[in-house]
C-alpha atoms as a PDB file:
ATOM      1  CA  MET A   1      23.219 -22.866  10.939  1.00  0.00           C
ATOM      2  CA  PRO A   2      22.398 -22.162   7.302  1.00  0.00           C
ATOM      3  CA  SER A   3      24.786 -23.293   4.613  1.00  0.00           C
ATOM      4  CA  PRO A   4      26.706 -20.647   2.670  1.00  0.00           C
ATOM      5  CA  GLY A   5      24.511 -21.181  -0.346  1.00  0.00           C
ATOM      6  CA  THR A   6      21.163 -20.524   1.293  1.00  0.00           C
ATOM      7  CA  GLU A   7      19.252 -17.258   1.209  1.00  0.00           C
ATOM      8  CA  ASP A   8      19.376 -17.073   5.026  1.00  0.00           C
ATOM      9  CA  SER A   9      23.146 -16.520   4.769  1.00  0.00           C
ATOM     10  CA  LEU A  10      22.670 -13.476   2.530  1.00  0.00           C
ATOM     11  CA  SER A  11      22.768 -10.092   4.183  1.00  0.00           C
ATOM     12  CA  VAL A  12      19.934  -7.601   3.971  1.00  0.00           C
ATOM     13  CA  ALA A  13      22.295  -5.209   2.184  1.00  0.00           C
ATOM     14  CA  ASP A  14      23.113  -7.827  -0.475  1.00  0.00           C
ATOM     15  CA  MET A  15      19.417  -8.581  -1.019  1.00  0.00           C
ATOM     16  CA  LYS A  16      18.592  -4.879  -1.331  1.00  0.00           C
ATOM     17  CA  GLN A  17      21.338  -4.343  -3.881  1.00  0.00           C
ATOM     18  CA  ALA A  18      20.240  -7.437  -5.770  1.00  0.00           C
ATOM     19  CA  GLY A  19      16.690  -6.142  -5.921  1.00  0.00           C
ATOM     20  CA  ILE A  20      17.910  -2.826  -7.288  1.00  0.00           C
ATOM     21  CA  TRP A  21      20.066  -4.505  -9.923  1.00  0.00           C
ATOM     22  CA  PHE A  22      17.336  -6.948 -10.930  1.00  0.00           C
ATOM     23  CA  ALA A  23      14.874  -4.113 -11.574  1.00  0.00           C
ATOM     24  CA  ARG A  24      17.498  -2.066 -13.443  1.00  0.00           C
ATOM     25  CA  MET A  25      18.526  -4.946 -15.692  1.00  0.00           C
ATOM     26  CA  ARG A  26      14.908  -5.558 -16.704  1.00  0.00           C
ATOM     27  CA  SER A  27      14.251  -1.887 -17.478  1.00  0.00           C
ATOM     28  CA  PRO A  28      14.474  -0.274 -20.932  1.00  0.00           C
ATOM     29  CA  ASP A  29      17.768   1.363 -19.835  1.00  0.00           C
ATOM     30  CA  ALA A  30      19.461  -1.929 -18.900  1.00  0.00           C
ATOM     31  CA  GLU A  31      22.407  -1.463 -21.274  1.00  0.00           C
ATOM     32  CA  LYS A  32      23.418   1.784 -19.585  1.00  0.00           C
ATOM     33  CA  PHE A  33      24.004  -0.168 -16.376  1.00  0.00           C
ATOM     34  CA  ARG A  34      25.494  -3.327 -17.915  1.00  0.00           C
ATOM     35  CA  ALA A  35      29.184  -2.682 -17.159  1.00  0.00           C
ATOM     36  CA  GLU A  36      28.553  -1.523 -13.592  1.00  0.00           C
ATOM     37  CA  PHE A  37      26.241  -4.497 -13.000  1.00  0.00           C
ATOM     38  CA  GLU A  38      28.860  -6.978 -14.221  1.00  0.00           C
ATOM     39  CA  ARG A  39      31.441  -5.500 -11.843  1.00  0.00           C
ATOM     40  CA  TRP A  40      29.048  -5.761  -8.893  1.00  0.00           C
ATOM     41  CA  HIS A  41      27.943  -9.288  -9.853  1.00  0.00           C
ATOM     42  CA  ALA A  42      31.552 -10.538 -10.051  1.00  0.00           C
ATOM     43  CA  ALA A  43      32.796  -8.734  -6.933  1.00  0.00           C
ATOM     44  CA  HIS A  44      31.634 -11.403  -4.458  1.00  0.00           C
ATOM     45  CA  PRO A  45      29.925 -14.825  -4.638  1.00  0.00           C
ATOM     46  CA  ALA A  46      27.153 -13.537  -2.364  1.00  0.00           C
ATOM     47  CA  HIS A  47      26.200 -10.990  -5.025  1.00  0.00           C
ATOM     48  CA  ALA A  48      25.545 -13.719  -7.579  1.00  0.00           C
ATOM     49  CA  ARG A  49      23.493 -15.743  -5.073  1.00  0.00           C
ATOM     50  CA  ALA A  50      21.501 -12.676  -4.069  1.00  0.00           C
ATOM     51  CA  TYR A  51      20.782 -11.836  -7.699  1.00  0.00           C
ATOM     52  CA  GLU A  52      19.537 -15.385  -8.318  1.00  0.00           C
ATOM     53  CA  GLU A  53      17.314 -15.126  -5.234  1.00  0.00           C
ATOM     54  CA  ALA A  54      15.940 -11.781  -6.481  1.00  0.00           C
ATOM     55  CA  GLY A  55      14.982 -13.469  -9.739  1.00  0.00           C
ATOM     56  CA  ALA A  56      13.281 -16.305  -7.877  1.00  0.00           C
ATOM     57  CA  ARG A  57      11.311 -13.848  -5.759  1.00  0.00           C
ATOM     58  CA  TRP A  58      10.228 -11.939  -8.844  1.00  0.00           C
ATOM     59  CA  LEU A  59       8.860 -15.180 -10.285  1.00  0.00           C
ATOM     60  CA  THR A  60       6.806 -15.733  -7.139  1.00  0.00           C
ATOM     61  CA  ALA A  61       5.597 -12.117  -7.126  1.00  0.00           C
ATOM     62  CA  GLY A  62       4.629  -9.928 -10.095  1.00  0.00           C
ATOM     63  CA  GLY A  63       6.464 -12.104 -12.610  1.00  0.00           C
ATOM     64  CA  ILE A  64       4.083 -15.072 -12.429  1.00  0.00           C
ATOM     65  CA  ALA A  65       0.912 -13.055 -11.988  1.00  0.00           C
ATOM     66  CA  ASP A  66      -0.040 -13.370 -15.654  1.00  0.00           C
ATOM     67  CA  THR A  67       0.977 -17.001 -16.125  1.00  0.00           C
ATOM     68  CA  GLU A  68      -1.255 -20.040 -15.899  1.00  0.00           C
ATOM     69  CA  MET A  69       0.491 -21.058 -12.692  1.00  0.00           C
ATOM     70  CA  GLY A  70       0.016 -17.583 -11.254  1.00  0.00           C
ATOM     71  CA  ARG A  71      -3.675 -17.474 -12.080  1.00  0.00           C
ATOM     72  CA  ASN A  72      -4.392 -20.897 -10.632  1.00  0.00           C
ATOM     73  CA  ARG A  73      -2.119 -21.041  -7.615  1.00  0.00           C
ATOM     74  CA  ARG A  74      -3.849 -21.309  -4.241  1.00  0.00           C
ATOM     75  CA  LEU A  75      -3.232 -18.337  -1.975  1.00  0.00           C
ATOM     76  CA  PRO A  76      -3.178 -18.914   1.796  1.00  0.00           C
ATOM     77  CA  GLU A  77      -6.430 -18.275   3.622  1.00  0.00           C
ATOM     78  CA  ARG A  78      -4.693 -16.206   6.249  1.00  0.00           C
ATOM     79  CA  ARG A  79      -1.151 -14.962   6.694  1.00  0.00           C
ATOM     80  CA  PRO A  80       0.329 -13.610   9.946  1.00  0.00           C
ATOM     81  CA  PRO A  81       1.208  -9.916  10.272  1.00  0.00           C
ATOM     82  CA  ILE A  82       4.481  -9.210   8.538  1.00  0.00           C
ATOM     83  CA  TRP A  83       6.399  -8.576  11.742  1.00  0.00           C
ATOM     84  CA  GLU A  84       5.518 -12.107  12.993  1.00  0.00           C
ATOM     85  CA  MET A  85       6.907 -13.909   9.937  1.00  0.00           C
ATOM     86  CA  PRO A  86      10.262 -15.723  10.374  1.00  0.00           C
ATOM     87  CA  GLY A  87      13.001 -13.693   8.692  1.00  0.00           C
ATOM     88  CA  ALA A  88      10.428 -11.037   7.831  1.00  0.00           C
ATOM     89  CA  ARG A  89      12.741  -8.057   7.399  1.00  0.00           C
ATOM     90  CA  PRO A  90      15.137  -9.430   4.786  1.00  0.00           C
ATOM     91  CA  ALA A  91      12.399 -11.305   2.940  1.00  0.00           C
ATOM     92  CA  PHE A  92      10.075  -8.333   2.742  1.00  0.00           C
ATOM     93  CA  ALA A  93      12.884  -6.002   1.717  1.00  0.00           C
ATOM     94  CA  ALA A  94      13.831  -8.321  -1.132  1.00  0.00           C
ATOM     95  CA  ILE A  95      10.276  -8.682  -2.429  1.00  0.00           C
ATOM     96  CA  ALA A  96       9.683  -4.955  -2.325  1.00  0.00           C
ATOM     97  CA  LEU A  97      12.948  -4.096  -4.012  1.00  0.00           C
ATOM     98  CA  VAL A  98      12.494  -6.612  -6.793  1.00  0.00           C
ATOM     99  CA  LEU A  99       9.409  -4.742  -7.925  1.00  0.00           C
ATOM    100  CA  VAL A 100      10.707  -1.182  -7.704  1.00  0.00           C
ATOM    101  CA  VAL A 101      14.184   0.356  -7.661  1.00  0.00           C
ATOM    102  CA  LEU A 102      15.010   1.895  -4.296  1.00  0.00           C
ATOM    103  CA  GLY A 103      18.090   3.904  -3.505  1.00  0.00           C
ATOM    104  CA  GLY A 104      17.502   3.325   0.215  1.00  0.00           C
ATOM    105  CA  LEU A 105      14.747   3.302   2.807  1.00  0.00           C
ATOM    106  CA  TRP A 106      12.315   6.068   1.903  1.00  0.00           C
ATOM    107  CA  PHE A 107       9.396   7.484   3.835  1.00  0.00           C
ATOM    108  CA  PHE A 108       6.848  10.169   3.162  1.00  0.00           C
ATOM    109  CA  ARG A 109       7.585  13.112   5.442  1.00  0.00           C
ATOM    110  CA  SER A 110       5.583  16.136   6.450  1.00  0.00           C
ATOM    111  CA  PRO A 111       6.997  19.658   6.676  1.00  0.00           C
ATOM    112  CA  ASN A 112       7.597  19.077  10.406  1.00  0.00           C
ATOM    113  CA  GLU A 113       9.925  16.127   9.716  1.00  0.00           C
ATOM    114  CA  GLY A 114      11.752  14.972  12.811  1.00  0.00           C
ATOM    115  CA  GLY A 115       9.407  16.788  15.212  1.00  0.00           C
ATOM    116  CA  ASP A 116       6.540  15.624  17.364  1.00  0.00           C
ATOM    117  CA  THR A 117       3.178  14.779  15.857  1.00  0.00           C
ATOM    118  CA  PRO A 118       1.332  18.117  15.586  1.00  0.00           C
ATOM    119  CA  GLN A 119      -1.775  18.494  17.726  1.00  0.00           C
ATOM    120  CA  MET A 120      -4.971  19.326  15.922  1.00  0.00           C
ATOM    121  CA  ALA A 121      -7.637  21.535  17.451  1.00  0.00           C
ATOM    122  CA  ALA A 122     -11.311  20.644  17.358  1.00  0.00           C
ATOM    123  CA  ALA A 123     -13.193  21.580  14.171  1.00  0.00           C
ATOM    124  CA  GLN A 124      -9.946  22.316  12.312  1.00  0.00           C
ATOM    125  CA  PRO A 125      -9.906  20.844   8.782  1.00  0.00           C
ATOM    126  CA  GLN A 126      -6.781  18.958   7.813  1.00  0.00           C
ATOM    127  CA  SER A 127      -5.492  17.735   4.437  1.00  0.00           C
ATOM    128  CA  THR A 128      -2.431  16.323   2.674  1.00  0.00           C
ATOM    129  CA  ARG A 129      -0.901  17.123  -0.680  1.00  0.00           C
ATOM    130  CA  VAL A 130      -0.449  14.610  -3.491  1.00  0.00           C
ATOM    131  CA  GLY A 131       2.434  12.328  -2.477  1.00  0.00           C
ATOM    132  CA  GLU A 132       2.317  13.277   1.227  1.00  0.00           C
ATOM    133  CA  ILE A 133       1.455  11.072   4.222  1.00  0.00           C
ATOM    134  CA  ARG A 134       1.174  12.864   7.554  1.00  0.00           C
ATOM    135  CA  SER A 135       0.023  12.215  11.129  1.00  0.00           C
ATOM    136  CA  VAL A 136      -1.807  14.648  13.398  1.00  0.00           C
ATOM    137  CA  LYS A 137      -2.928  14.253  16.998  1.00  0.00           C
ATOM    138  CA  LEU A 138      -6.413  15.322  18.019  1.00  0.00           C
ATOM    139  CA  ALA A 139      -7.093  17.117  21.288  1.00  0.00           C
ATOM    140  CA  ASP A 140      -8.492  13.892  22.794  1.00  0.00           C
ATOM    141  CA  GLY A 141      -5.225  12.005  22.169  1.00  0.00           C
ATOM    142  CA  THR A 142      -6.347  10.180  19.017  1.00  0.00           C
ATOM    143  CA  THR A 143      -3.738   9.988  16.250  1.00  0.00           C
ATOM    144  CA  VAL A 144      -4.940  10.346  12.654  1.00  0.00           C
ATOM    145  CA  THR A 145      -2.654   9.448   9.758  1.00  0.00           C
ATOM    146  CA  LEU A 146      -3.734  10.935   6.436  1.00  0.00           C
ATOM    147  CA  ASP A 147      -2.847   9.206   3.186  1.00  0.00           C
ATOM    148  CA  THR A 148      -1.886  11.082   0.031  1.00  0.00           C
ATOM    149  CA  ASP A 149      -4.385  13.697  -1.208  1.00  0.00           C
ATOM    150  CA  SER A 150      -6.725  13.143   1.751  1.00  0.00           C
ATOM    151  CA  ALA A 151      -8.792  15.479   3.923  1.00  0.00           C
ATOM    152  CA  ILE A 152     -10.822  15.298   7.122  1.00  0.00           C
ATOM    153  CA  GLU A 153     -13.019  17.602   9.170  1.00  0.00           C
ATOM    154  CA  VAL A 154     -13.085  17.153  12.947  1.00  0.00           C
ATOM    155  CA  ARG A 155     -15.650  18.040  15.596  1.00  0.00           C
ATOM    156  CA  LEU A 156     -14.817  17.407  19.254  1.00  0.00           C
ATOM    157  CA  THR A 157     -17.224  18.391  22.027  1.00  0.00           C
ATOM    158  CA  LYS A 158     -17.783  17.236  25.615  1.00  0.00           C
ATOM    159  CA  ASP A 159     -20.319  14.678  24.331  1.00  0.00           C
ATOM    160  CA  LEU A 160     -19.073  13.826  20.862  1.00  0.00           C
ATOM    161  CA  ARG A 161     -15.949  12.930  18.869  1.00  0.00           C
ATOM    162  CA  GLN A 162     -16.744  13.033  15.173  1.00  0.00           C
ATOM    163  CA  VAL A 163     -14.612  13.053  12.026  1.00  0.00           C
ATOM    164  CA  ARG A 164     -15.798  13.361   8.434  1.00  0.00           C
ATOM    165  CA  LEU A 165     -13.539  11.889   5.766  1.00  0.00           C
ATOM    166  CA  VAL A 166     -13.801  14.321   2.869  1.00  0.00           C
ATOM    167  CA  ARG A 167     -11.539  12.440   0.449  1.00  0.00           C
ATOM    168  CA  GLY A 168      -8.774   9.865   0.340  1.00  0.00           C
ATOM    169  CA  ARG A 169      -7.935   7.551   3.249  1.00  0.00           C
ATOM    170  CA  ALA A 170      -7.040   7.867   6.927  1.00  0.00           C
ATOM    171  CA  ARG A 171      -5.938   5.655   9.797  1.00  0.00           C
ATOM    172  CA  PHE A 172      -7.392   6.284  13.241  1.00  0.00           C
ATOM    173  CA  ASP A 173      -5.570   5.186  16.400  1.00  0.00           C
ATOM    174  CA  VAL A 174      -8.364   6.056  18.791  1.00  0.00           C
ATOM    175  CA  ALA A 175      -7.796   7.173  22.374  1.00  0.00           C
ATOM    176  CA  HIS A 176     -10.164   5.356  24.729  1.00  0.00           C
ATOM    177  CA  ASP A 177     -12.995   7.460  26.127  1.00  0.00           C
ATOM    178  CA  ALA A 178     -16.009   5.446  27.307  1.00  0.00           C
ATOM    179  CA  ALA A 179     -18.117   8.593  27.672  1.00  0.00           C
ATOM    180  CA  ARG A 180     -17.561   9.757  24.104  1.00  0.00           C
ATOM    181  CA  PRO A 181     -17.780   7.268  21.242  1.00  0.00           C
ATOM    182  CA  PHE A 182     -15.505   8.040  18.303  1.00  0.00           C
ATOM    183  CA  ARG A 183     -17.289   8.242  14.939  1.00  0.00           C
ATOM    184  CA  VAL A 184     -16.031   8.585  11.393  1.00  0.00           C
ATOM    185  CA  GLU A 185     -18.425   9.468   8.573  1.00  0.00           C
ATOM    186  CA  ALA A 186     -17.698   8.748   4.908  1.00  0.00           C
ATOM    187  CA  ALA A 187     -20.108   8.626   1.976  1.00  0.00           C
ATOM    188  CA  GLY A 188     -23.131   8.075   4.207  1.00  0.00           C
ATOM    189  CA  ARG A 189     -21.499   5.335   6.292  1.00  0.00           C
ATOM    190  CA  THR A 190     -20.720   5.817   9.997  1.00  0.00           C
ATOM    191  CA  VAL A 191     -17.946   3.895  11.767  1.00  0.00           C
ATOM    192  CA  THR A 192     -18.171   3.860  15.578  1.00  0.00           C
ATOM    193  CA  ALA A 193     -15.354   2.833  17.939  1.00  0.00           C
ATOM    194  CA  LEU A 194     -14.373   3.277  21.589  1.00  0.00           C
ATOM    195  CA  GLY A 195     -10.666   2.412  21.623  1.00  0.00           C
ATOM    196  CA  THR A 196      -9.220   0.821  18.515  1.00  0.00           C
ATOM    197  CA  MET A 197      -7.195   1.245  15.315  1.00  0.00           C
ATOM    198  CA  PHE A 198      -8.772   1.192  11.874  1.00  0.00           C
ATOM    199  CA  ASP A 199      -8.571   2.617   8.354  1.00  0.00           C
ATOM    200  CA  VAL A 200     -11.365   4.316   6.427  1.00  0.00           C
ATOM    201  CA  GLY A 201     -10.938   5.138   2.757  1.00  0.00           C
ATOM    202  CA  PHE A 202     -12.873   5.831  -0.397  1.00  0.00           C
ATOM    203  CA  GLU A 203     -12.803   3.335  -3.247  1.00  0.00           C
ATOM    204  CA  PRO A 204     -14.653   3.322  -6.575  1.00  0.00           C
ATOM    205  CA  GLY A 205     -18.368   3.223  -5.827  1.00  0.00           C
ATOM    206  CA  GLY A 206     -18.108   3.152  -2.045  1.00  0.00           C
ATOM    207  CA  VAL A 207     -15.882   3.024   1.034  1.00  0.00           C
ATOM    208  CA  ARG A 208     -13.593   0.489   2.722  1.00  0.00           C
ATOM    209  CA  VAL A 209     -13.190   0.099   6.478  1.00  0.00           C
ATOM    210  CA  SER A 210     -10.264  -2.066   7.633  1.00  0.00           C
ATOM    211  CA  LEU A 211      -9.894  -3.029  11.292  1.00  0.00           C
ATOM    212  CA  LEU A 212      -6.398  -3.552  12.704  1.00  0.00           C
ATOM    213  CA  ARG A 213      -7.149  -3.670  16.442  1.00  0.00           C
ATOM    214  CA  GLY A 214     -10.175  -3.641  18.744  1.00  0.00           C
ATOM    215  CA  SER A 215     -13.733  -3.543  17.445  1.00  0.00           C
ATOM    216  CA  VAL A 216     -15.802  -1.183  15.316  1.00  0.00           C
ATOM    217  CA  GLU A 217     -19.360  -1.012  14.041  1.00  0.00           C
ATOM    218  CA  VAL A 218     -20.154   0.162  10.526  1.00  0.00           C
ATOM    219  CA  ARG A 219     -23.633   1.627  10.125  1.00  0.00           C
ATOM    220  CA  GLY A 220     -24.996   1.586   6.614  1.00  0.00           C
ATOM    221  CA  ILE A 221     -27.321   3.893   4.746  1.00  0.00           C
ATOM    222  CA  ALA A 222     -30.902   3.484   5.921  1.00  0.00           C
ATOM    223  CA  PRO A 223     -33.445   2.619   3.202  1.00  0.00           C
ATOM    224  CA  ALA A 224     -36.504   4.793   2.875  1.00  0.00           C
ATOM    225  CA  GLY A 225     -38.624   4.217   5.957  1.00  0.00           C
ATOM    226  CA  GLY A 226     -36.236   1.557   7.247  1.00  0.00           C
ATOM    227  CA  VAL A 227     -33.395   1.079   9.705  1.00  0.00           C
ATOM    228  CA  ALA A 228     -29.751   1.117   8.687  1.00  0.00           C
ATOM    229  CA  ALA A 229     -27.927  -2.200   8.937  1.00  0.00           C
ATOM    230  CA  VAL A 230     -25.006  -2.415  11.381  1.00  0.00           C
ATOM    231  CA  THR A 231     -21.929  -4.561  10.725  1.00  0.00           C
ATOM    232  CA  ARG A 232     -19.431  -5.375  13.497  1.00  0.00           C
ATOM    233  CA  LEU A 233     -15.856  -6.076  12.411  1.00  0.00           C
ATOM    234  CA  ALA A 234     -13.201  -8.202  14.067  1.00  0.00           C
ATOM    235  CA  PRO A 235      -9.453  -7.512  13.706  1.00  0.00           C
ATOM    236  CA  GLY A 236      -8.212  -8.524  10.266  1.00  0.00           C
ATOM    237  CA  GLU A 237     -11.569  -7.883   8.579  1.00  0.00           C
ATOM    238  CA  CYS A 238     -12.590  -5.252   6.036  1.00  0.00           C
ATOM    239  CA  PHE A 239     -16.006  -3.845   5.295  1.00  0.00           C
ATOM    240  CA  THR A 240     -16.455  -2.815   1.682  1.00  0.00           C
ATOM    241  CA  ASP A 241     -19.480  -1.573  -0.216  1.00  0.00           C
ATOM    242  CA  ARG A 242     -18.052  -1.202  -3.682  1.00  0.00           C
ATOM    243  CA  ALA A 243     -20.955  -0.469  -6.027  1.00  0.00           C
ATOM    244  CA  ARG A 244     -23.118  -0.358  -2.865  1.00  0.00           C
ATOM    245  CA  ARG A 245     -22.897  -4.127  -2.329  1.00  0.00           C
ATOM    246  CA  ALA A 246     -21.932  -4.375   1.333  1.00  0.00           C
ATOM    247  CA  GLU A 247     -19.743  -7.309   2.375  1.00  0.00           C
ATOM    248  CA  VAL A 248     -17.088  -8.274   4.907  1.00  0.00           C
ATOM    249  CA  VAL A 249     -13.836  -9.705   3.556  1.00  0.00           C
ATOM    250  CA  LYS A 250     -10.449 -10.631   4.983  1.00  0.00           C
ATOM    251  CA  ALA A 251      -7.942  -7.817   5.161  1.00  0.00           C
ATOM    252  CA  SER A 252      -5.071  -7.657   2.702  1.00  0.00           C
ATOM    253  CA  PRO A 253      -1.841  -9.077   4.191  1.00  0.00           C
ATOM    254  CA  GLY A 254      -0.103  -5.761   3.482  1.00  0.00           C
ATOM    255  CA  LEU A 255      -2.841  -3.702   5.095  1.00  0.00           C
ATOM    256  CA  GLN A 256      -0.542  -2.174   7.701  1.00  0.00           C
ATOM    257  CA  GLN A 257       2.084  -0.870   5.289  1.00  0.00           C
ATOM    258  CA  TRP A 258       0.586   2.165   3.555  1.00  0.00           C
ATOM    259  CA  VAL A 259       1.322   4.532   6.460  1.00  0.00           C
ATOM    260  CA  SER A 260       5.049   4.202   5.675  1.00  0.00           C
ATOM    261  CA  GLY A 261       4.576   4.532   1.924  1.00  0.00           C
ATOM    262  CA  MET A 262       4.517   0.803   1.142  1.00  0.00           C
ATOM    263  CA  LEU A 263       1.633  -0.686  -0.854  1.00  0.00           C
ATOM    264  CA  ASP A 264       0.882  -4.404  -1.002  1.00  0.00           C
ATOM    265  CA  PHE A 265      -1.259  -6.259  -3.547  1.00  0.00           C
ATOM    266  CA  ASP A 266      -2.218  -9.910  -3.757  1.00  0.00           C
ATOM    267  CA  GLY A 267      -3.536 -10.919  -7.184  1.00  0.00           C
ATOM    268  CA  VAL A 268      -4.986  -7.439  -7.837  1.00  0.00           C
ATOM    269  CA  PRO A 269      -5.788  -6.373 -11.440  1.00  0.00           C
ATOM    270  CA  LEU A 270      -3.205  -3.959 -12.827  1.00  0.00           C
ATOM    271  CA  GLY A 271      -5.929  -1.410 -13.562  1.00  0.00           C
ATOM    272  CA  ASP A 272      -6.893  -1.326  -9.872  1.00  0.00           C
ATOM    273  CA  VAL A 273      -3.237  -1.122  -8.832  1.00  0.00           C
ATOM    274  CA  LEU A 274      -2.707   1.955 -11.003  1.00  0.00           C
ATOM    275  CA  GLU A 275      -5.894   3.521  -9.675  1.00  0.00           C
ATOM    276  CA  GLN A 276      -4.323   3.432  -6.213  1.00  0.00           C
ATOM    277  CA  THR A 277      -0.715   4.261  -7.067  1.00  0.00           C
ATOM    278  CA  ASN A 278      -1.647   7.174  -9.330  1.00  0.00           C
ATOM    279  CA  ARG A 279      -3.022   9.006  -6.303  1.00  0.00           C
ATOM    280  CA  TYR A 280       0.553   9.524  -5.101  1.00  0.00           C
ATOM    281  CA  SER A 281       1.862  11.461  -8.102  1.00  0.00           C
ATOM    282  CA  GLN A 282       0.887  14.352 -10.352  1.00  0.00           C
ATOM    283  CA  ARG A 283       2.339  12.309 -13.218  1.00  0.00           C
ATOM    284  CA  LYS A 284       0.220   9.237 -13.883  1.00  0.00           C
ATOM    285  CA  ILE A 285       0.934   5.774 -15.227  1.00  0.00           C
ATOM    286  CA  ARG A 286      -1.526   4.930 -18.018  1.00  0.00           C
ATOM    287  CA  LEU A 287      -2.210   1.760 -19.983  1.00  0.00           C
ATOM    288  CA  GLY A 288      -1.745   1.924 -23.745  1.00  0.00           C
ATOM    289  CA  ASP A 289      -3.963  -1.146 -24.177  1.00  0.00           C
ATOM    290  CA  PRO A 290      -7.169  -1.411 -22.064  1.00  0.00           C
ATOM    291  CA  SER A 291      -6.835  -5.206 -21.990  1.00  0.00           C
ATOM    292  CA  LEU A 292      -3.728  -4.832 -19.790  1.00  0.00           C
ATOM    293  CA  ALA A 293      -5.954  -3.714 -16.913  1.00  0.00           C
ATOM    294  CA  ALA A 294      -6.944  -7.330 -16.253  1.00  0.00           C
ATOM    295  CA  GLN A 295      -3.340  -8.515 -15.704  1.00  0.00           C
ATOM    296  CA  ARG A 296      -2.888  -9.431 -12.025  1.00  0.00           C
ATOM    297  CA  LEU A 297      -0.095  -8.252  -9.753  1.00  0.00           C
ATOM    298  CA  THR A 298       1.206  -9.718  -6.509  1.00  0.00           C
ATOM    299  CA  GLY A 299       3.873  -7.978  -4.450  1.00  0.00           C
ATOM    300  CA  GLY A 300       4.806  -5.100  -2.181  1.00  0.00           C
ATOM    301  CA  PHE A 301       6.334  -1.866  -3.463  1.00  0.00           C
ATOM    302  CA  ARG A 302       6.416   1.912  -3.119  1.00  0.00           C
ATOM    303  CA  PRO A 303       4.466   4.156  -5.516  1.00  0.00           C
ATOM    304  CA  LEU A 304       7.233   6.760  -5.815  1.00  0.00           C
ATOM    305  CA  PRO A 305       9.371   7.666  -7.682  1.00  0.00           C
ATOM    306  CA  VAL A 306       6.826   7.143 -10.437  1.00  0.00           C
ATOM    307  CA  ASP A 307       9.462   6.580 -13.166  1.00  0.00           C
ATOM    308  CA  GLU A 308      10.940   3.663 -11.258  1.00  0.00           C
ATOM    309  CA  LEU A 309       7.534   2.195 -10.516  1.00  0.00           C
ATOM    310  CA  ALA A 310       6.630   2.326 -14.219  1.00  0.00           C
ATOM    311  CA  ALA A 311       9.931   0.626 -15.146  1.00  0.00           C
ATOM    312  CA  ALA A 312       9.360  -2.109 -12.571  1.00  0.00           C
ATOM    313  CA  LEU A 313       5.799  -2.771 -13.750  1.00  0.00           C
ATOM    314  CA  ALA A 314       6.977  -2.847 -17.350  1.00  0.00           C
ATOM    315  CA  ALA A 315       9.637  -5.397 -16.410  1.00  0.00           C
ATOM    316  CA  ALA A 316       7.151  -7.565 -14.505  1.00  0.00           C
ATOM    317  CA  PHE A 317       4.749  -7.770 -17.459  1.00  0.00           C
ATOM    318  CA  SER A 318       7.221  -7.540 -20.376  1.00  0.00           C
ATOM    319  CA  LEU A 319       5.940  -4.126 -21.436  1.00  0.00           C
ATOM    320  CA  ARG A 320       7.668  -0.953 -22.588  1.00  0.00           C
ATOM    321  CA  VAL A 321       7.340   2.557 -21.176  1.00  0.00           C
ATOM    322  CA  GLU A 322       6.614   5.657 -23.255  1.00  0.00           C
ATOM    323  CA  GLN A 323       6.179   9.228 -22.109  1.00  0.00           C
ATOM    324  CA  SER A 324       3.195  11.247 -23.253  1.00  0.00           C
ATOM    325  CA  PRO A 325       3.494  14.935 -24.265  1.00  0.00           C
ATOM    326  CA  GLN A 326       1.863  15.763 -20.901  1.00  0.00           C
ATOM    327  CA  GLY A 327       4.559  13.852 -18.997  1.00  0.00           C
ATOM    328  CA  ASP A 328       2.470  10.801 -18.078  1.00  0.00           C
ATOM    329  CA  LEU A 329       4.011   7.337 -18.477  1.00  0.00           C
ATOM    330  CA  ILE A 330       2.321   4.901 -20.854  1.00  0.00           C
ATOM    331  CA  LEU A 331       2.692   1.122 -20.502  1.00  0.00           C
ATOM    332  CA  ARG A 332       2.454  -0.612 -23.882  1.00  0.00           C
ATOM    333  CA  ARG A 333       2.964  -4.137 -25.103  1.00  0.00           C
ATOM    334  CA  ALA A 334       6.560  -4.705 -26.189  1.00  0.00           C
END
């Protein structure tokens, strides 16, 4: 049994509240919340312990990313899926909430919230708005989850199942059909699967294919007069051809989370983080100093609401937030 002073004795609710308060008290509006925070902090000994734990988790997440220790620490070669980690739910909730203020569990929802996954007819184009994540079911039983501001075109025939990713990112949970391979085309690359789950998305200069289950083959762009190279992925691997340099890398530990609106980064430059999170909002987070783009961020968080994300990033890197005349949020050195 854990002792009363250990984090294992803290409830999920206490850790969530602590994460909220930690982010608030490091934001530019901290003084507005000071009195309410002091009342919460003094109300129960568990609140004080949870707040201390939130601070410790911040130090091991975004807070140390720009320190010498953060730059030089060794990251594990491979981490288990989040649902296999001991105490995963409270730990993950605390890490996520330290980096962004959450008023409760929040998911992207489609207009048919609460209903069944809509079925999509063959050849029907499908797209999502900025800030929306939505799932559709194809006529063959395959489920496609579209990320924010994404679009696909589908062609299903008796001999062929083919999807073209027009923009953004999508997850494919493919229904098995040995007679009809399932193919996804994006930027000249073709991903072929029989029964599997994988993501395909655009990134600067190329595409990324991430395999969660089963097996897929990624066919490259054939050189003039040559034959296109084929790369087979195993679960937990990603194919990326950023700047047209094809390689296979290990999947990000938070790979599975984006479908529920959670993003996860492990030592990723702040400029790249903003490139991804800005896709979820009409209002963008900008950097007032280009050199800030190289700062590295580790942690899991949600990209919306954008104001709270900007405040959390500012707190993690000791920056301040300004609003531009156009409504965008600018991160500047304090």
